[in-house]
Amino acid sequence: MTMKLRKYIILGIAAFSLSSCSEWLDVQPTTEKDRDDLVGTAEGYKQMLYGTYINLTSTSLYGNNLSYGFLDVLATNYASTSNFYTSSGNYNYTDNNERSYVDAIWSKMYNNIANVNSILLDVEQNKSVFKNGEYELLAGEAYAMRAFMHFDLLRMFGPRYEGHEDEIVMPYYESYEAVRYPHISAREIITHVLSDLTVAENLLKVGNDPLLAGSQVITYNSNGEFTANRQYRFNYWAVQALKARIYQYIGDTENALLCANDVIEHGPFTWVTEAEVSAGDKVFQHELILGLDVPNLPNYYDSNFKNEKYSLTDGYGDYGQGYFGDANDYRFLYLMGNNKANLKVVSSKYDQTTGTSKQMKKQTIPLIRLGEMYLIAAECQIETAPERTISLLRELKLHRGYLSEGQGIDDGASADQLHTYIRDEFRKETYAEGQSWFYMKRRNLNTLVMYSMWGTPVYYGTSWSSPVTEATYIFPLPESEKEYGNIPVDKSTSK
């Protein structure tokens, strides 16, 4: 490995640590010697792992663009973005502005994958520096994070999986060496992802992940305790939930259902209550399977939502009660806000009102939540057990405040009706979390209605909707990757 590569990767960690307010990262490695000092101790490895989490909170990644920002704009979840993403509504990925978002996602994700591989490079040879279980938890998290990042890259830069399983898409980096890994097929990417998750699952079991024992304690002030706040780390149940998401994405409904049911039936996650939501828990923290602590999120909320860069209506819409079907829905009552000055509606999901003693709740970006597991399990049984699908949907909506008979789900609903129910609930559940775009891609929706679900449709060119093709769902590779990447010439497709 060259000094140049290793220094580049460590500088990547340092840059993010300097821009974050998290208590996690006190050591800021800036040289090769700094890295060598870190890998000699358990605390050093922990600091490196914390750094990879901080990297994920970048605005180029899950601190904005891969949650409430770029991806939700593509999913037409906003009626207006104040020209913030002028070209995104046209899916013009070659536009210089939009190109910059896409390229940054690719480069920052692979940079953080390199950071994770740096940890895995020699941690196994240094097990003796850890207390009981700490090595397994740290390594398990690292393997799970590597799988998570590669899978999201596949969902963005690869084609829809079904029918394109053997198309060459991207590399899967499993080491820290200065080697350009070859681009491989979507099927091979999934194989590597699931392999990493199997390793992670086994390690987290051996390490006695506290969440496996049913402990769901969020301390807010962990005082540096490595096993604290597991829902903000790649924990055992996050691995199971991610497997459910992956299996559903590739069309393996049997395994998707098994994993989703495992989380639902055996995980420690509990439904949020209306009292908790009305008191300020708008991210439904008890339902959180995996989330990120984003220290700058309150500032991001002010600059993106309070300043109305992301508005749900254009000033002429309403609160969207008709869409929810029940005015008691917590997501309708508590997760939207109206600017009285100009009648614009903005999401208030990230406008937490909890006190400073529970600051982490104000800094939470959900990555996977309990509601998604119910929707995965419901969709997987549409053909085989539709009555179970109806039951799961009703349970979810009951815990969202629906008091109407049957929670708005018809007895004997057809398969098409059930898919529509799930589509609508998925969008309401994961609004401002970046997942709607991936749902649309997986389901190959060929028309995206160009309006916020809360308000008035927006006329778009010559119609009220935007026709899309499968190609619309594929981000183009960066030009540098096309030129210098290890892409098999005889198998690659133009992107």
Protein backbone atom coordinates (compact mmCIF):
# COMPACT_ATOMS: atom_id res chain seq x y z
CA MET A 1 0.00 0.00 0.00
CA THR A 2 1.31 3.44 -0.84
CA MET A 3 1.80 6.20 1.71
CA LYS A 4 -0.17 8.50 -0.61
CA LEU A 5 -3.33 6.38 -0.46
CA ARG A 6 -3.23 5.79 3.28
CA LYS A 7 -2.64 9.48 3.98
CA TYR A 8 -5.51 10.42 1.63
CA ILE A 9 -7.91 8.13 3.48
CA ILE A 10 -6.91 9.35 6.92
CA LEU A 11 -7.19 12.96 5.81
CA GLY A 12 -10.73 12.13 4.77
CA ILE A 13 -11.55 11.11 8.32
CA ALA A 14 -9.88 14.18 9.75
CA ALA A 15 -11.76 16.59 7.52
CA PHE A 16 -15.11 15.32 8.72
CA SER A 17 -14.07 15.25 12.35
CA LEU A 18 -13.10 18.90 12.17
CA SER A 19 -16.48 19.88 10.74
CA SER A 20 -18.55 17.93 13.26
CA CYS A 21 -19.49 18.78 16.83
CA SER A 22 -19.85 15.17 17.94
CA GLU A 23 -18.27 14.08 21.21
CA TRP A 24 -17.36 10.86 19.42
CA LEU A 25 -14.13 11.89 17.75
CA ASP A 26 -11.51 13.56 19.90
CA VAL A 27 -8.51 12.23 18.02
CA GLN A 28 -8.02 13.68 14.54
CA PRO A 29 -5.51 11.55 12.62
CA THR A 30 -3.79 13.59 9.94
CA THR A 31 -0.66 11.59 9.19
CA GLU A 32 0.43 8.02 8.66
CA LYS A 33 2.06 8.06 12.10
CA ASP A 34 -1.25 9.10 13.67
CA ARG A 35 -2.95 6.11 12.12
CA ASP A 36 -0.23 3.77 13.31
CA ASP A 37 -0.68 5.14 16.83
CA LEU A 38 -4.44 4.54 16.68
CA VAL A 39 -4.33 0.95 15.47
CA GLY A 40 -2.25 -0.09 18.45
CA THR A 41 -5.02 0.46 20.99
CA ALA A 42 -8.70 -0.38 21.45
CA GLU A 43 -9.49 3.31 21.87
CA GLY A 44 -7.72 4.05 18.62
CA TYR A 45 -9.86 1.57 16.72
CA LYS A 46 -12.97 2.99 18.35
CA GLN A 47 -12.00 6.50 17.30
CA MET A 48 -11.52 5.32 13.73
CA LEU A 49 -14.94 3.64 13.77
CA TYR A 50 -16.59 6.75 15.20
CA GLY A 51 -14.99 8.69 12.38
CA THR A 52 -16.73 6.52 9.78
CA TYR A 53 -20.11 7.27 11.38
CA ILE A 54 -19.32 10.98 11.30
CA ASN A 55 -18.49 10.69 7.62
CA LEU A 56 -22.00 9.32 6.97
CA THR A 57 -23.50 12.50 8.45
CA SER A 58 -21.97 14.64 5.69
CA THR A 59 -24.51 16.76 3.81
CA SER A 60 -23.38 14.96 0.66
CA LEU A 61 -24.57 11.72 2.25
CA TYR A 62 -27.19 11.03 4.94
CA GLY A 63 -26.95 14.44 6.59
CA ASN A 64 -28.92 15.81 3.63
CA ASN A 65 -28.80 14.42 0.10
CA LEU A 66 -29.48 10.77 0.91
CA SER A 67 -32.24 11.52 3.40
CA TYR A 68 -34.50 14.59 3.16
CA GLY A 69 -32.56 16.27 0.33
CA PHE A 70 -31.60 15.15 -3.16
CA LEU A 71 -33.33 11.75 -3.13
CA ASP A 72 -36.61 13.14 -1.81
CA VAL A 73 -36.51 15.83 -4.48
CA LEU A 74 -36.14 13.11 -7.12
CA ALA A 75 -39.11 11.32 -5.56
CA THR A 76 -41.22 14.49 -6.09
CA ASN A 77 -41.87 14.76 -2.37
CA TYR A 78 -41.71 18.54 -2.51
CA ALA A 79 -43.90 20.93 -4.45
CA SER A 80 -41.11 23.48 -4.36
CA THR A 81 -37.41 23.49 -3.55
CA SER A 82 -36.85 27.21 -4.11
CA ASN A 83 -34.66 26.40 -7.15
CA PHE A 84 -32.30 24.58 -4.82
CA TYR A 85 -32.25 21.57 -7.14
CA THR A 86 -33.37 23.28 -10.35
CA SER A 87 -32.45 20.41 -12.65
CA SER A 88 -33.35 17.51 -10.37
CA GLY A 89 -37.03 17.54 -11.25
CA ASN A 90 -35.97 16.95 -14.86
CA TYR A 91 -33.65 14.08 -13.86
CA ASN A 92 -30.93 15.84 -15.79
CA TYR A 93 -27.94 14.14 -14.23
CA THR A 94 -25.55 15.70 -16.73
CA ASP A 95 -26.37 19.20 -15.50
CA ASN A 96 -23.29 20.58 -13.75
CA ASN A 97 -25.19 21.26 -10.52
CA GLU A 98 -26.83 17.86 -10.32
CA ARG A 99 -23.67 16.15 -11.55
CA SER A 100 -21.85 17.56 -8.52
CA TYR A 101 -24.32 15.90 -6.12
CA VAL A 102 -24.06 12.54 -7.85
CA ASP A 103 -20.25 12.61 -8.07
CA ALA A 104 -19.94 13.58 -4.40
CA ILE A 105 -22.14 10.67 -3.35
CA TRP A 106 -19.90 8.23 -5.23
CA SER A 107 -16.58 9.66 -4.01
CA LYS A 108 -17.56 10.15 -0.37
CA MET A 109 -19.14 6.73 -0.07
CA TYR A 110 -16.12 4.97 -1.51
CA ASN A 111 -13.81 7.10 0.61
CA ASN A 112 -15.69 5.98 3.70
CA ILE A 113 -15.62 2.37 2.52
CA ALA A 114 -11.84 2.77 2.41
CA ASN A 115 -11.93 4.05 5.99
CA VAL A 116 -13.90 0.99 7.06
CA ASN A 117 -11.46 -1.29 5.24
CA SER A 118 -8.64 0.50 7.03
CA ILE A 119 -10.17 -0.63 10.32
CA LEU A 120 -10.65 -4.20 9.12
CA LEU A 121 -7.11 -4.31 7.72
CA ASP A 122 -5.47 -5.41 10.94
CA VAL A 123 -8.04 -5.30 13.75
CA GLU A 124 -8.33 -9.08 13.79
CA GLN A 125 -4.64 -9.34 14.55
CA ASN A 126 -5.11 -7.01 17.52
CA LYS A 127 -8.03 -8.69 19.29
CA SER A 128 -6.03 -8.82 22.50
CA VAL A 129 -6.30 -5.04 23.02
CA PHE A 130 -10.10 -5.25 23.44
CA LYS A 131 -12.26 -6.11 26.44
CA ASN A 132 -14.66 -9.04 26.17
CA GLY A 133 -17.00 -8.59 23.23
CA GLU A 134 -15.69 -5.23 22.08
CA TYR A 135 -13.70 -6.60 19.15
CA GLU A 136 -16.73 -8.50 17.89
CA LEU A 137 -19.00 -5.46 18.18
CA LEU A 138 -16.50 -3.17 16.44
CA ALA A 139 -15.69 -5.57 13.62
CA GLY A 140 -19.36 -6.53 13.22
CA GLU A 141 -20.33 -2.88 12.84
CA ALA A 142 -17.58 -2.33 10.29
CA TYR A 143 -18.67 -5.27 8.13
CA ALA A 144 -22.31 -4.16 8.33
CA MET A 145 -21.47 -0.58 7.43
CA ARG A 146 -19.44 -1.72 4.42
CA ALA A 147 -22.39 -3.78 3.21
CA PHE A 148 -24.84 -0.93 3.83
CA MET A 149 -22.82 1.57 1.80
CA HIS A 150 -22.24 -0.77 -1.13
CA PHE A 151 -25.94 -1.67 -1.23
CA ASP A 152 -27.03 1.96 -1.35
CA LEU A 153 -24.48 2.65 -4.08
CA LEU A 154 -25.97 -0.24 -6.03
CA ARG A 155 -29.48 1.16 -5.57
CA MET A 156 -28.32 4.50 -6.95
CA PHE A 157 -25.75 3.69 -9.62
CA GLY A 158 -27.01 0.30 -10.73
CA PRO A 159 -30.10 -0.48 -12.78
CA ARG A 160 -33.25 -1.88 -11.26
CA TYR A 161 -32.25 -5.35 -10.05
CA GLU A 162 -34.95 -7.49 -11.66
CA GLY A 163 -33.96 -8.30 -15.22
CA HIS A 164 -30.50 -6.71 -14.81
CA GLU A 165 -28.92 -9.06 -12.29
CA ASP A 166 -25.88 -9.82 -14.46
CA GLU A 167 -25.21 -6.32 -15.71
CA ILE A 168 -21.80 -4.92 -14.74
CA VAL A 169 -22.35 -1.99 -12.39
CA MET A 170 -19.62 -1.06 -9.88
CA PRO A 171 -16.73 -2.36 -7.76
CA TYR A 172 -16.98 -3.94 -4.31
CA TYR A 173 -14.00 -2.88 -2.23
CA GLU A 174 -12.96 -5.37 0.44
CA SER A 175 -9.43 -4.22 1.18
CA TYR A 176 -7.40 -1.12 1.87
CA GLU A 177 -4.79 -1.63 -0.83
CA ALA A 178 -4.20 0.87 -3.63
CA VAL A 179 -5.89 -1.38 -6.17
CA ARG A 180 -8.72 -0.49 -8.52
CA TYR A 181 -11.17 -3.32 -8.01
CA PRO A 182 -12.99 -4.44 -11.15
CA HIS A 183 -16.60 -3.51 -11.74
CA ILE A 184 -18.79 -6.56 -11.17
CA SER A 185 -22.42 -7.49 -11.72
CA ALA A 186 -25.36 -6.53 -9.55
CA ARG A 187 -25.76 -10.18 -8.59
CA GLU A 188 -22.14 -10.34 -7.43
CA ILE A 189 -22.54 -7.11 -5.46
CA ILE A 190 -25.52 -8.60 -3.64
CA THR A 191 -23.53 -11.76 -2.93
CA HIS A 192 -20.74 -9.71 -1.34
CA VAL A 193 -23.23 -7.58 0.62
CA LEU A 194 -25.00 -10.60 2.07
CA SER A 195 -21.67 -12.27 2.83
CA ASP A 196 -20.52 -9.22 4.81
CA LEU A 197 -23.84 -9.15 6.67
CA THR A 198 -23.50 -12.82 7.59
CA VAL A 199 -20.07 -12.11 9.06
CA ALA A 200 -21.48 -9.06 10.87
CA GLU A 201 -24.43 -11.02 12.24
CA ASN A 202 -22.19 -13.76 13.66
CA LEU A 203 -19.77 -11.28 15.21
CA LEU A 204 -22.54 -9.24 16.83
CA LYS A 205 -24.02 -12.41 18.31
CA VAL A 206 -20.68 -13.46 19.78
CA GLY A 207 -20.12 -9.93 21.05
CA ASN A 208 -23.47 -10.04 22.89
CA ASP A 209 -24.92 -6.94 21.28
CA PRO A 210 -26.97 -5.33 24.09
CA LEU A 211 -29.98 -5.08 21.77
CA LEU A 212 -30.04 -8.88 21.55
CA ALA A 213 -30.78 -8.98 25.26
CA GLY A 214 -33.76 -6.69 24.74
CA SER A 215 -32.01 -3.59 26.04
CA GLN A 216 -33.23 -0.53 24.18
CA VAL A 217 -31.79 2.12 26.45
CA ILE A 218 -30.81 5.43 24.86
CA THR A 219 -28.72 7.26 27.42
CA TYR A 220 -28.17 10.58 25.59
CA ASN A 221 -25.03 11.01 27.67
CA SER A 222 -23.01 7.86 27.14
CA ASN A 223 -19.80 9.21 28.73
CA GLY A 224 -17.85 7.39 26.06
CA GLU A 225 -19.32 3.97 26.82
CA PHE A 226 -18.73 1.86 23.71
CA THR A 227 -21.86 -0.29 24.09
CA ALA A 228 -24.27 2.62 24.61
CA ASN A 229 -26.99 3.78 22.23
CA ARG A 230 -26.91 0.76 19.98
CA GLN A 231 -29.76 2.04 17.80
CA TYR A 232 -27.32 4.68 16.53
CA ARG A 233 -24.86 1.99 15.51
CA PHE A 234 -24.94 -0.95 13.10
CA ASN A 235 -26.43 -3.30 15.68
CA TYR A 236 -27.63 -6.89 15.34
CA TRP A 237 -31.25 -5.96 14.52
CA ALA A 238 -30.10 -3.37 12.00
CA VAL A 239 -28.35 -6.22 10.18
CA GLN A 240 -31.57 -8.27 10.15
CA ALA A 241 -33.61 -5.28 8.98
CA LEU A 242 -31.08 -4.46 6.26
CA LYS A 243 -31.23 -8.08 5.07
CA ALA A 244 -35.02 -7.79 4.86
CA ARG A 245 -34.63 -4.64 2.74
CA ILE A 246 -32.05 -6.29 0.47
CA TYR A 247 -34.00 -9.51 -0.02
CA GLN A 248 -37.10 -7.52 -0.92
CA TYR A 249 -35.06 -5.44 -3.37
CA ILE A 250 -33.85 -8.55 -5.24
CA GLY A 251 -37.28 -10.18 -5.21
CA ASP A 252 -36.55 -12.89 -2.62
CA THR A 253 -39.81 -12.49 -0.72
CA GLU A 254 -39.34 -15.66 1.35
CA ASN A 255 -36.13 -14.47 2.99
CA ALA A 256 -37.33 -10.87 3.17
CA LEU A 257 -40.36 -12.04 5.15
CA LEU A 258 -38.24 -14.19 7.45
CA CYS A 259 -35.93 -11.31 8.31
CA ALA A 260 -38.71 -8.73 8.69
CA ASN A 261 -40.70 -11.07 10.95
CA ASP A 262 -37.60 -11.75 13.02
CA VAL A 263 -37.27 -8.03 13.75
CA ILE A 264 -41.00 -7.61 14.38
CA GLU A 265 -41.38 -10.64 16.65
CA HIS A 266 -38.07 -10.70 18.50
CA GLY A 267 -36.62 -7.18 18.35
CA PRO A 268 -36.93 -4.81 21.33
CA PHE A 269 -38.60 -2.02 19.35
CA THR A 270 -41.91 -0.60 20.58
CA TRP A 271 -44.54 1.60 18.96
CA VAL A 272 -44.41 5.32 19.64
CA THR A 273 -47.38 6.79 21.50
CA GLU A 274 -49.27 9.96 20.64
CA ALA A 275 -48.15 11.47 23.94
CA GLU A 276 -44.52 10.94 22.98
CA VAL A 277 -45.00 12.39 19.49
CA SER A 278 -46.93 15.42 20.75
CA ALA A 279 -44.15 16.00 23.29
CA GLY A 280 -41.61 16.26 20.48
CA ASP A 281 -40.51 12.77 19.41
CA LYS A 282 -41.15 13.22 15.70
CA VAL A 283 -38.60 10.62 14.60
CA PHE A 284 -40.38 7.91 16.65
CA GLN A 285 -37.23 7.04 18.52
CA HIS A 286 -38.47 3.83 20.16
CA GLU A 287 -39.16 2.45 16.68
CA LEU A 288 -35.67 3.31 15.48
CA ILE A 289 -33.74 0.23 14.34
CA LEU A 290 -30.84 2.24 12.93
CA GLY A 291 -30.23 5.95 12.87
CA LEU A 292 -27.48 8.53 12.73
CA ASP A 293 -26.61 11.17 15.28
CA VAL A 294 -26.17 14.28 13.10
CA PRO A 295 -24.84 17.09 15.33
CA ASN A 296 -25.67 19.84 12.83
CA LEU A 297 -29.18 18.64 12.06
CA PRO A 298 -30.96 21.49 13.91
CA ASN A 299 -29.03 23.98 11.77
CA TYR A 300 -29.73 21.98 8.62
CA TYR A 301 -33.43 22.00 9.49
CA ASP A 302 -33.48 25.77 9.88
CA SER A 303 -31.67 26.38 6.60
CA ASN A 304 -33.62 23.84 4.54
CA PHE A 305 -37.13 23.75 5.99
CA LYS A 306 -37.72 26.86 8.04
CA ASN A 307 -36.23 28.84 5.17
CA GLU A 308 -38.56 26.88 2.87
CA LYS A 309 -36.02 25.43 0.48
CA TYR A 310 -38.07 22.25 0.83
CA SER A 311 -41.77 23.09 0.94
CA LEU A 312 -44.59 20.60 0.69
CA THR A 313 -47.00 22.99 -0.99
CA ASP A 314 -46.43 26.00 -3.21
CA GLY A 315 -48.52 28.35 -1.08
CA TYR A 316 -51.89 27.32 -2.44
CA GLY A 317 -52.21 23.79 -1.10
CA ASP A 318 -53.67 22.46 2.12
CA TYR A 319 -52.43 20.14 4.85
CA GLY A 320 -53.27 17.07 2.82
CA GLN A 321 -55.85 15.58 5.16
CA GLY A 322 -57.54 13.87 2.24
CA TYR A 323 -54.33 12.00 1.49
CA PHE A 324 -54.05 10.67 5.03
CA GLY A 325 -57.71 9.72 5.24
CA ASP A 326 -57.84 10.27 9.00
CA ALA A 327 -57.20 13.57 10.74
CA ASN A 328 -55.92 11.64 13.77
CA ASP A 329 -52.84 10.32 11.93
CA TYR A 330 -49.81 11.38 13.98
CA ARG A 331 -47.89 12.01 10.78
CA PHE A 332 -50.60 14.46 9.75
CA LEU A 333 -51.04 16.12 13.13
CA TYR A 334 -47.45 16.48 14.29
CA LEU A 335 -45.04 16.04 11.37
CA MET A 336 -46.13 19.01 9.27
CA GLY A 337 -45.91 22.72 9.92
CA ASN A 338 -47.57 25.66 8.26
CA ASN A 339 -45.82 28.95 7.70
CA LYS A 340 -48.65 31.36 8.42
CA ALA A 341 -47.03 34.16 6.43
CA ASN A 342 -47.31 32.54 3.00
CA LEU A 343 -49.35 29.36 3.65
CA LYS A 344 -46.50 27.05 2.68
CA VAL A 345 -46.40 23.69 4.42
CA VAL A 346 -43.05 22.22 5.45
CA SER A 347 -42.11 18.95 7.11
CA SER A 348 -41.46 19.32 10.82
CA LYS A 349 -40.07 15.79 11.28
CA TYR A 350 -36.65 17.17 12.15
CA ASP A 351 -37.93 20.07 14.22
CA GLN A 352 -37.60 18.29 17.54
CA THR A 353 -38.82 20.18 20.59
CA THR A 354 -37.21 17.99 23.26
CA GLY A 355 -34.94 19.65 25.79
CA THR A 356 -31.18 19.82 25.56
CA SER A 357 -30.84 16.93 28.04
CA LYS A 358 -32.00 14.68 25.20
CA GLN A 359 -30.02 16.38 22.45
CA MET A 360 -29.51 13.20 20.45
CA LYS A 361 -33.23 13.06 19.66
CA LYS A 362 -32.90 16.50 18.05
CA GLN A 363 -30.03 15.17 15.93
CA THR A 364 -31.55 11.94 14.62
CA ILE A 365 -31.74 10.93 10.96
CA PRO A 366 -33.57 7.57 10.74
CA LEU A 367 -32.03 4.99 8.41
CA ILE A 368 -34.28 1.99 9.15
CA ARG A 369 -37.41 1.95 11.30
CA LEU A 370 -39.99 -0.54 12.57
CA GLY A 371 -42.71 0.67 10.21
CA GLU A 372 -40.68 -0.41 7.18
CA MET A 373 -40.47 -3.95 8.55
CA TYR A 374 -44.26 -4.11 8.74
CA LEU A 375 -44.55 -2.85 5.18
CA ILE A 376 -41.97 -5.36 3.91
CA ALA A 377 -43.77 -8.20 5.66
CA ALA A 378 -47.12 -6.94 4.32
CA GLU A 379 -45.92 -6.71 0.71
CA CYS A 380 -44.25 -10.12 0.82
CA GLN A 381 -47.61 -11.76 1.61
CA ILE A 382 -49.92 -10.04 -0.87
CA GLU A 383 -50.11 -13.15 -3.05
CA THR A 384 -49.74 -15.87 -0.43
CA ALA A 385 -51.58 -14.50 2.61
CA PRO A 386 -53.49 -11.30 1.74
CA GLU A 387 -55.41 -11.45 5.03
CA ARG A 388 -52.07 -11.19 6.85
CA THR A 389 -51.13 -8.22 4.66
CA ILE A 390 -54.34 -6.49 5.69
CA SER A 391 -53.70 -7.29 9.36
CA LEU A 392 -50.17 -5.85 9.25
CA LEU A 393 -51.31 -2.67 7.51
CA ARG A 394 -54.09 -2.18 10.03
CA GLU A 395 -51.69 -2.66 12.94
CA LEU A 396 -49.31 -0.08 11.52
CA LYS A 397 -52.08 2.46 10.92
CA LEU A 398 -53.62 1.83 14.35
CA HIS A 399 -50.30 2.87 15.85
CA ARG A 400 -50.36 5.99 13.71
CA GLY A 401 -53.64 7.09 15.28
CA TYR A 402 -56.17 5.76 12.76
CA LEU A 403 -59.48 5.32 14.58
CA SER A 404 -61.69 4.59 11.56
CA GLU A 405 -63.15 1.13 11.11
CA GLY A 406 -60.54 -1.17 9.63
CA GLN A 407 -58.01 1.69 9.78
CA GLY A 408 -58.98 2.54 6.19
CA ILE A 409 -57.97 -0.87 4.81
CA ASP A 410 -60.81 -2.66 3.02
CA ASP A 411 -61.66 -6.28 3.77
CA GLY A 412 -60.99 -8.42 0.72
CA ALA A 413 -58.80 -5.79 -0.94
CA SER A 414 -57.33 -6.88 -4.27
CA ALA A 415 -53.61 -7.27 -4.88
CA ASP A 416 -53.55 -3.95 -6.74
CA GLN A 417 -55.33 -2.23 -3.87
CA LEU A 418 -52.90 -3.69 -1.35
CA HIS A 419 -49.92 -2.46 -3.38
CA THR A 420 -51.49 1.00 -3.45
CA TYR A 421 -52.03 0.96 0.32
CA ILE A 422 -48.40 -0.07 0.86
CA ARG A 423 -47.09 2.55 -1.58
CA ASP A 424 -48.98 5.30 0.23
CA GLU A 425 -48.01 4.13 3.70
CA PHE A 426 -44.37 3.74 2.70
CA ARG A 427 -44.28 7.31 1.46
CA LYS A 428 -45.90 8.63 4.63
CA GLU A 429 -43.67 6.51 6.87
CA THR A 430 -40.36 7.42 5.26
CA TYR A 431 -41.05 11.00 4.18
CA ALA A 432 -37.85 13.09 4.32
CA GLU A 433 -35.75 9.94 4.80
CA GLY A 434 -34.76 9.28 1.18
CA GLN A 435 -36.45 5.90 0.85
CA SER A 436 -39.37 6.82 -1.46
CA TRP A 437 -37.04 7.02 -4.46
CA PHE A 438 -35.77 3.49 -3.84
CA TYR A 439 -39.33 2.19 -3.48
CA MET A 440 -40.26 3.74 -6.81
CA LYS A 441 -37.21 2.21 -8.45
CA ARG A 442 -37.82 -1.25 -7.03
CA ARG A 443 -41.47 -1.16 -8.14
CA ASN A 444 -40.44 0.33 -11.51
CA LEU A 445 -43.03 3.08 -11.32
CA ASN A 446 -43.06 4.71 -14.76
CA THR A 447 -44.97 7.85 -13.83
CA LEU A 448 -44.12 10.08 -10.90
CA VAL A 449 -46.86 12.53 -9.95
CA MET A 450 -45.24 15.93 -9.80
CA TYR A 451 -46.67 17.22 -6.58
CA SER A 452 -46.18 17.03 -2.90
CA MET A 453 -48.47 14.41 -1.42
CA TRP A 454 -49.78 17.02 0.97
CA GLY A 455 -51.07 19.65 -1.39
CA THR A 456 -51.92 20.87 -4.85
CA PRO A 457 -50.53 19.18 -8.00
CA VAL A 458 -47.91 21.15 -9.87
CA TYR A 459 -48.20 21.46 -13.63
CA TYR A 460 -45.03 20.07 -15.12
CA GLY A 461 -44.30 20.99 -18.71
CA THR A 462 -47.15 19.46 -20.66
CA SER A 463 -48.79 17.35 -17.96
CA TRP A 464 -49.40 16.90 -14.24
CA SER A 465 -46.94 14.04 -14.05
CA SER A 466 -43.46 13.17 -15.23
CA PRO A 467 -43.00 9.99 -17.29
CA VAL A 468 -39.83 8.15 -16.39
CA THR A 469 -37.99 5.12 -17.70
CA GLU A 470 -35.76 2.60 -15.98
CA ALA A 471 -32.80 4.73 -17.03
CA THR A 472 -34.19 7.63 -14.98
CA TYR A 473 -33.46 5.66 -11.83
CA ILE A 474 -29.75 5.17 -12.62
CA PHE A 475 -27.14 7.72 -11.58
CA PRO A 476 -24.30 8.02 -14.09
CA LEU A 477 -20.80 7.00 -13.09
CA PRO A 478 -18.39 9.89 -12.49
CA GLU A 479 -16.35 10.73 -15.57
CA SER A 480 -13.15 9.89 -13.70
CA GLU A 481 -14.50 6.41 -12.92
CA LYS A 482 -15.41 5.88 -16.57
CA GLU A 483 -11.90 6.88 -17.61
CA TYR A 484 -9.79 5.27 -14.89
CA GLY A 485 -12.05 2.64 -13.33
CA ASN A 486 -11.45 -1.06 -13.84
CA ILE A 487 -14.50 -1.65 -16.04
CA PRO A 488 -14.47 -4.85 -18.14
CA VAL A 489 -14.67 -3.58 -21.70
CA ASP A 490 -16.42 -6.61 -23.15
CA LYS A 491 -19.22 -6.62 -20.52
CA SER A 492 -19.79 -3.03 -19.53
CA THR A 493 -22.80 -1.01 -20.60
CA SER A 494 -22.72 2.66 -21.35
CA LYS A 495 -23.93 4.89 -18.54
